[in-house]
Amino acid sequence: MPHFFIKSSDVNNNSVIISDKDNYNHIAKSLRAKPGEKLLLIDENSVQYETVIKQINSGSIIAEVLDKYLSRRKLSFNLYLAQSPLRNNDAQNFLIEKATELGANALYPIYTDNCALNKSVIDKKTEKWQRIMYESSKQCERADIPVCNPLTSVEKLLSEINFDKVFAFCERKASMTLREYCAVNPIKQDENILLIIGPEGGFSEREFDFFSQNPDIKMLTLGNLILRAETAATVALGNVIYEYENYKQN
């Protein structure tokens, strides 16, 4: 069933009026939907609406609400990714898509010493990355849409926002695994967790020194293998979710 984001103001009693241009074009023109077909809609309050199309007019669609409920398609804790953008567009887009599918609340592009892109190039890409997040959220039926923030640095990010746990994945420098850390310091519901992933060339010695001297940052490893940046981000996000679910069940 196709999934689209709407506003709660679009809902009136048992009807939904879809007049947003992007949604209208996607449903009426791309999908060529017809009255009688079902749509899955979700608003900014994470309320999910199972609907059936009643009318398709010029510029608007009217759907009848068959059922509504609070969506559970989001994490029970807040997961954030601070990541140094990659030179390869396909790799970076893949990373953003998978971070969205895995439930990351936001992406913080960070400028690192070994970043292969200059700042002006990154600034021009953030709008596209936000669009990828939006489309990926529709595809995986997320209850919310993650945010792609403006370019920043790890130092500035940590000075502006307080996170409950901060993990920097440093394969060549860290001796503790995520599993070992979480066995003593489990991830709990509603915590704010930040993952830091470096660029293709890895972190610099200066950055390693910053991590090691900052008591709020835990330098962790994902294992003995050296992973590509986009692989490391996906594995790190997935493993953090696994550790949370494992603690919750026990």
Protein backbone atom coordinates (compact mmCIF):
# COMPACT_ATOMS: atom_id res chain seq x y z
CA MET A 1 0.00 0.00 0.00
CA PRO A 2 1.60 3.36 -1.04
CA HIS A 3 2.69 5.50 1.93
CA PHE A 4 2.55 9.31 2.04
CA PHE A 5 3.11 12.06 4.60
CA ILE A 6 0.27 14.51 5.23
CA LYS A 7 -0.61 17.20 7.78
CA SER A 8 -3.17 16.64 10.53
CA SER A 9 -4.99 19.70 9.17
CA ASP A 10 -5.70 17.71 5.98
CA VAL A 11 -7.96 15.40 8.01
CA ASN A 12 -11.56 16.43 8.63
CA ASN A 13 -13.77 13.93 10.44
CA ASN A 14 -13.53 10.79 8.33
CA SER A 15 -12.02 12.33 5.19
CA VAL A 16 -8.55 13.35 4.06
CA ILE A 17 -8.00 15.97 1.37
CA ILE A 18 -4.64 15.56 -0.36
CA SER A 19 -3.76 18.77 -2.16
CA ASP A 20 0.01 18.86 -1.68
CA LYS A 21 1.47 19.10 -5.19
CA ASP A 22 4.13 16.40 -4.76
CA ASN A 23 1.73 13.93 -3.20
CA TYR A 24 -0.96 14.67 -5.76
CA ASN A 25 1.40 14.20 -8.72
CA HIS A 26 2.83 11.01 -7.27
CA ILE A 27 -0.56 9.46 -6.56
CA ALA A 28 -2.61 10.71 -9.51
CA LYS A 29 0.04 10.91 -12.25
CA SER A 30 2.94 8.59 -11.36
CA LEU A 31 0.95 5.79 -9.74
CA ARG A 32 -2.16 6.53 -11.81
CA ALA A 33 -4.26 5.61 -8.80
CA LYS A 34 -8.02 5.36 -9.16
CA PRO A 35 -11.02 5.60 -6.81
CA GLY A 36 -11.29 2.44 -4.77
CA GLU A 37 -7.54 2.01 -4.33
CA LYS A 38 -6.05 2.21 -0.83
CA LEU A 39 -3.45 4.64 0.52
CA LEU A 40 -1.47 4.65 3.76
CA LEU A 41 -1.12 8.20 5.13
CA ILE A 42 0.71 9.51 8.20
CA ASP A 43 0.71 12.95 9.81
CA GLU A 44 3.24 14.95 11.84
CA ASN A 45 1.93 13.40 15.07
CA SER A 46 2.78 9.87 13.84
CA VAL A 47 -0.91 9.04 13.42
CA GLN A 48 -1.33 6.48 10.65
CA TYR A 49 -4.44 6.50 8.44
CA GLU A 50 -5.54 3.56 6.34
CA THR A 51 -7.66 5.10 3.60
CA VAL A 52 -9.43 4.42 0.34
CA ILE A 53 -9.58 6.93 -2.52
CA LYS A 54 -13.07 8.33 -3.12
CA GLN A 55 -12.42 11.10 -5.64
CA ILE A 56 -9.54 12.36 -7.77
CA ASN A 57 -10.14 15.94 -8.83
CA SER A 58 -7.98 18.47 -10.63
CA GLY A 59 -5.33 19.23 -8.01
CA SER A 60 -6.80 17.29 -5.08
CA ILE A 61 -7.64 13.80 -3.91
CA ILE A 62 -10.33 12.90 -1.38
CA ALA A 63 -9.82 9.72 0.63
CA GLU A 64 -12.02 8.09 3.24
CA VAL A 65 -10.42 6.98 6.53
CA LEU A 66 -10.96 3.27 7.18
CA ASP A 67 -8.81 3.05 10.29
CA LYS A 68 -6.34 5.19 12.24
CA TYR A 69 -3.79 4.45 14.95
CA LEU A 70 -0.45 5.62 16.31
CA SER A 71 2.39 4.31 14.17
CA ARG A 72 5.06 2.19 15.86
CA ARG A 73 7.50 2.46 12.97
CA LYS A 74 10.18 4.40 14.82
CA LEU A 75 12.86 3.67 17.40
CA SER A 76 12.24 3.87 21.15
CA PHE A 77 15.41 5.93 21.57
CA ASN A 78 16.89 8.81 19.60
CA LEU A 79 19.67 7.81 17.21
CA TYR A 80 21.81 10.46 15.50
CA LEU A 81 24.57 10.10 12.92
CA ALA A 82 27.50 12.52 12.63
CA GLN A 83 29.24 11.56 9.41
CA SER A 84 31.96 13.01 7.21
CA PRO A 85 30.49 13.20 3.68
CA LEU A 86 32.01 10.88 1.08
CA ARG A 87 33.42 11.87 -2.28
CA ASN A 88 31.52 9.11 -4.07
CA ASN A 89 27.94 10.30 -4.57
CA ASP A 90 26.50 6.80 -4.85
CA ALA A 91 28.17 5.70 -1.61
CA GLN A 92 26.97 8.81 0.24
CA ASN A 93 23.42 8.47 -1.07
CA PHE A 94 23.41 4.78 -0.10
CA LEU A 95 24.55 5.70 3.41
CA ILE A 96 21.79 8.29 3.84
CA GLU A 97 19.15 5.92 2.51
CA LYS A 98 20.18 3.14 4.90
CA ALA A 99 20.46 5.51 7.87
CA THR A 100 16.88 6.56 7.17
CA GLU A 101 15.65 2.97 6.88
CA LEU A 102 17.38 2.08 10.15
CA GLY A 103 15.58 4.85 12.01
CA ALA A 104 18.19 7.59 12.47
CA ASN A 105 16.52 10.77 13.71
CA ALA A 106 18.98 13.13 12.05
CA LEU A 107 22.18 13.36 10.07
CA TYR A 108 24.89 15.83 11.04
CA PRO A 109 27.36 16.20 8.17
CA ILE A 110 30.71 16.89 9.84
CA TYR A 111 33.80 18.40 8.27
CA THR A 112 36.84 16.34 9.22
CA ASP A 113 40.56 16.71 8.51
CA ASN A 114 40.53 14.01 5.81
CA CYS A 115 37.21 14.91 4.20
CA ALA A 116 37.63 14.72 0.42
CA LEU A 117 35.02 17.40 -0.33
CA ASN A 118 35.27 21.12 0.29
CA LYS A 119 32.69 22.87 2.42
CA SER A 120 30.94 24.70 -0.42
CA VAL A 121 30.31 21.41 -2.24
CA ILE A 122 28.82 19.83 0.88
CA ASP A 123 26.56 22.84 1.49
CA LYS A 124 25.05 22.38 -1.97
CA LYS A 125 24.30 18.71 -1.34
CA THR A 126 22.34 18.92 1.91
CA GLU A 127 19.04 19.73 0.19
CA LYS A 128 19.40 16.63 -1.99
CA TRP A 129 20.24 14.49 1.05
CA GLN A 130 17.10 15.75 2.78
CA ARG A 131 15.08 14.72 -0.26
CA ILE A 132 16.61 11.23 -0.15
CA MET A 133 15.60 11.00 3.50
CA TYR A 134 12.04 12.01 2.65
CA GLU A 135 11.68 9.48 -0.17
CA SER A 136 13.32 6.71 1.90
CA SER A 137 10.95 7.46 4.80
CA LYS A 138 7.98 6.96 2.47
CA GLN A 139 9.43 3.74 1.11
CA CYS A 140 10.01 2.14 4.53
CA GLU A 141 6.79 3.54 6.05
CA ARG A 142 8.55 5.48 8.79
CA ALA A 143 6.44 7.35 11.33
CA ASP A 144 8.65 10.43 10.94
CA ILE A 145 11.15 12.05 8.59
CA PRO A 146 14.76 12.50 9.71
CA VAL A 147 16.50 15.86 9.38
CA CYS A 148 19.65 16.60 7.41
CA ASN A 149 21.37 19.39 9.33
CA PRO A 150 23.83 21.97 7.97
CA LEU A 151 27.52 21.16 7.87
CA THR A 152 29.24 21.36 11.24
CA SER A 153 32.20 19.89 13.15
CA VAL A 154 32.32 17.35 15.95
CA GLU A 155 33.65 19.98 18.33
CA LYS A 156 30.85 22.43 17.57
CA LEU A 157 28.16 19.75 17.60
CA LEU A 158 29.15 18.49 21.05
CA SER A 159 29.34 22.03 22.41
CA GLU A 160 25.79 22.80 21.26
CA ILE A 161 23.91 19.56 22.00
CA ASN A 162 24.03 17.21 24.98
CA PHE A 163 23.89 13.53 24.07
CA ASP A 164 23.50 10.71 26.58
CA LYS A 165 26.07 8.58 24.78
CA VAL A 166 28.59 9.43 22.04
CA PHE A 167 30.33 6.65 20.10
CA ALA A 168 33.25 7.35 17.75
CA PHE A 169 34.07 4.31 15.64
CA CYS A 170 37.86 4.19 15.33
CA GLU A 171 38.88 0.80 13.99
CA ARG A 172 42.64 1.33 14.27
CA LYS A 173 42.65 3.01 17.66
CA ALA A 174 39.88 1.49 19.75
CA SER A 175 40.21 -1.71 21.76
CA MET A 176 36.64 -1.96 23.10
CA THR A 177 33.77 -3.26 20.98
CA LEU A 178 30.26 -1.85 21.02
CA ARG A 179 29.06 -5.12 22.59
CA GLU A 180 31.59 -4.86 25.43
CA TYR A 181 30.63 -1.27 26.17
CA CYS A 182 26.88 -1.89 26.07
CA ALA A 183 27.19 -4.92 28.36
CA VAL A 184 28.14 -2.48 31.15
CA ASN A 185 26.40 0.68 29.86
CA PRO A 186 23.22 -0.43 28.08
CA ILE A 187 21.30 1.85 25.73
CA LYS A 188 17.98 2.75 27.31
CA GLN A 189 14.63 4.04 26.12
CA ASP A 190 14.49 7.74 25.19
CA GLU A 191 18.26 8.19 25.38
CA ASN A 192 19.98 10.40 22.79
CA ILE A 193 22.75 8.43 21.09
CA LEU A 194 25.27 9.97 18.67
CA LEU A 195 27.40 7.86 16.33
CA ILE A 196 30.49 9.43 14.71
CA ILE A 197 31.75 8.00 11.41
CA GLY A 198 34.80 9.31 9.55
CA PRO A 199 35.54 9.81 5.83
CA GLU A 200 37.17 7.45 3.34
CA GLY A 201 40.64 8.27 4.67
CA GLY A 202 39.63 7.82 8.29
CA PHE A 203 40.17 10.21 11.18
CA SER A 204 43.40 12.16 11.62
CA GLU A 205 45.76 11.84 14.60
CA ARG A 206 44.48 15.21 15.83
CA GLU A 207 40.92 13.90 15.80
CA PHE A 208 41.92 10.69 17.56
CA ASP A 209 43.57 12.82 20.26
CA PHE A 210 40.39 14.89 20.60
CA PHE A 211 38.28 11.75 21.02
CA SER A 212 40.63 10.17 23.55
CA GLN A 213 40.83 13.35 25.63
CA ASN A 214 37.07 13.90 25.70
CA PRO A 215 35.50 11.82 28.51
CA ASP A 216 32.06 12.00 26.86
CA ILE A 217 33.26 10.18 23.74
CA LYS A 218 33.74 6.43 23.71
CA MET A 219 36.13 5.16 21.05
CA LEU A 220 34.78 1.82 19.86
CA THR A 221 35.51 -0.78 17.21
CA LEU A 222 33.10 -2.75 15.05
CA GLY A 223 35.51 -5.69 14.78
CA ASN A 224 38.84 -6.70 13.31
CA LEU A 225 38.00 -5.85 9.70
CA ILE A 226 38.49 -2.38 8.22
CA LEU A 227 35.16 -1.34 6.74
CA ARG A 228 34.36 1.20 4.06
CA ALA A 229 32.82 4.35 5.53
CA GLU A 230 29.35 3.64 4.17
CA THR A 231 29.52 0.05 5.43
CA ALA A 232 30.74 1.16 8.85
CA ALA A 233 27.85 3.61 9.22
CA THR A 234 25.26 0.98 8.30
CA VAL A 235 26.80 -1.67 10.57
CA ALA A 236 27.16 0.78 13.48
CA LEU A 237 23.54 1.88 13.27
CA GLY A 238 22.31 -1.69 13.00
CA ASN A 239 24.45 -2.91 15.89
CA VAL A 240 23.35 -0.09 18.19
CA ILE A 241 19.71 -0.97 17.48
CA TYR A 242 20.47 -4.64 18.17
CA GLU A 243 22.14 -3.83 21.50
CA TYR A 244 19.13 -1.77 22.56
CA GLU A 245 16.65 -4.48 21.60
CA ASN A 246 18.78 -7.14 23.30
CA TYR A 247 18.88 -5.15 26.56
CA LYS A 248 15.13 -4.42 26.38
CA GLN A 249 14.28 -8.11 26.02
CA ASN A 250 16.50 -9.14 28.91
